[in-house]
Amino acid sequence: MAFDNDDPYEVQAYFLLGFRCGDRSAELELRTDAELPSDEWCAEAASQARLSRWYVPPARANNDMDIETCFCPACATNRKLVPSSGESAD
């Protein structure tokens, strides 16, 4: 499994080593046996963040990614943000 440099969730996991909400002190509690910060760990963290409905902004038009912003599900809902990367909110 290789790190996906085009996936904003994996990029967020790789550069911030987790998911911490920009509005509150909420943090995604990861459940994984993968070694930090391996490609496998990043992929698992990204998957868990998506499934938990964390919001990570998609890449900008110039392909830059915002690695300083993410929101927990409650804050994403309050801000009326939709899941990035075309992920379903289901």
Protein backbone atom coordinates (compact mmCIF):
# COMPACT_ATOMS: atom_id res chain seq x y z
CA MET A 1 0.00 0.00 0.00
CA ALA A 2 1.48 3.36 -1.02
CA PHE A 3 0.73 6.81 0.35
CA ASP A 4 -1.74 8.62 -1.93
CA ASN A 5 -0.39 12.14 -2.40
CA ASP A 6 -3.61 13.12 -4.21
CA ASP A 7 -5.94 12.17 -1.35
CA PRO A 8 -6.53 15.19 0.94
CA TYR A 9 -7.39 12.86 3.85
CA GLU A 10 -4.12 10.93 3.54
CA VAL A 11 -2.17 14.17 3.15
CA GLN A 12 -3.86 15.52 6.30
CA ALA A 13 -2.98 12.34 8.20
CA TYR A 14 0.62 12.38 6.96
CA PHE A 15 1.43 16.02 7.72
CA LEU A 16 -0.54 16.41 10.97
CA LEU A 17 -0.24 12.79 12.16
CA GLY A 18 -3.95 12.72 12.88
CA PHE A 19 -7.13 14.72 12.75
CA ARG A 20 -7.73 17.60 15.18
CA CYS A 21 -10.73 19.87 14.77
CA GLY A 22 -10.05 23.51 13.90
CA ASP A 23 -13.05 24.72 15.95
CA ARG A 24 -12.76 22.66 19.10
CA SER A 25 -10.34 20.33 20.79
CA ALA A 26 -11.95 17.24 19.26
CA GLU A 27 -9.52 14.67 17.95
CA LEU A 28 -10.17 11.52 15.94
CA GLU A 29 -9.30 8.48 18.04
CA LEU A 30 -7.63 6.12 15.60
CA ARG A 31 -7.93 2.37 15.91
CA THR A 32 -4.98 0.82 14.12
CA ASP A 33 -2.00 -1.41 14.72
CA ALA A 34 -0.06 0.21 11.87
CA GLU A 35 3.19 1.96 12.70
CA LEU A 36 3.06 5.76 12.85
CA PRO A 37 3.66 7.43 10.32
CA SER A 38 3.69 4.60 7.78
CA ASP A 39 1.75 4.64 4.51
CA GLU A 40 -0.57 2.02 5.99
CA TRP A 41 -1.20 4.20 9.07
CA CYS A 42 -2.02 7.22 6.85
CA ALA A 43 -4.42 5.17 4.72
CA GLU A 44 -6.17 3.75 7.79
CA ALA A 45 -6.40 7.18 9.46
CA ALA A 46 -7.84 8.68 6.26
CA SER A 47 -10.39 5.89 5.97
CA GLN A 48 -11.50 6.25 9.60
CA ALA A 49 -11.79 10.05 9.24
CA ARG A 50 -14.00 9.65 6.17
CA LEU A 51 -16.21 7.04 7.81
CA SER A 52 -16.56 9.25 10.90
CA ARG A 53 -17.52 12.18 8.62
CA TRP A 54 -14.60 14.46 9.38
CA TYR A 55 -14.26 17.31 6.88
CA VAL A 56 -10.98 17.88 5.08
CA PRO A 57 -10.99 20.53 2.35
CA PRO A 58 -10.42 19.25 -1.18
CA ALA A 59 -7.36 20.29 -3.19
CA ARG A 60 -7.45 23.82 -4.56
CA ALA A 61 -7.53 24.53 -8.31
CA ASN A 62 -3.71 24.69 -8.35
CA ASN A 63 -3.56 21.29 -6.55
CA ASP A 64 -2.33 22.82 -3.28
CA MET A 65 -3.83 21.23 -0.19
CA ASP A 66 -4.79 22.94 3.05
CA ILE A 67 -3.14 20.84 5.74
CA GLU A 68 -4.06 23.20 8.57
CA THR A 69 -7.85 22.84 8.38
CA CYS A 70 -10.13 19.99 9.24
CA PHE A 71 -13.35 19.80 11.22
CA CYS A 72 -14.95 17.14 13.37
CA PRO A 73 -18.37 15.90 12.24
CA ALA A 74 -20.29 18.26 14.58
CA CYS A 75 -18.41 21.35 13.41
CA ALA A 76 -18.62 20.30 9.76
CA THR A 77 -22.40 19.98 10.16
CA ASN A 78 -22.65 23.36 11.90
CA ARG A 79 -20.66 24.96 9.07
CA LYS A 80 -22.80 23.12 6.47
CA LEU A 81 -19.72 21.55 4.89
CA VAL A 82 -20.06 18.47 2.74
CA PRO A 83 -17.63 15.57 2.76
CA SER A 84 -14.69 16.19 0.44
CA SER A 85 -13.50 14.00 -2.42
CA GLY A 86 -17.06 13.33 -3.54
CA GLU A 87 -17.65 11.04 -0.56
CA SER A 88 -21.24 10.36 0.32
CA ALA A 89 -22.54 11.70 3.62
CA ASP A 90 -24.28 8.33 4.21
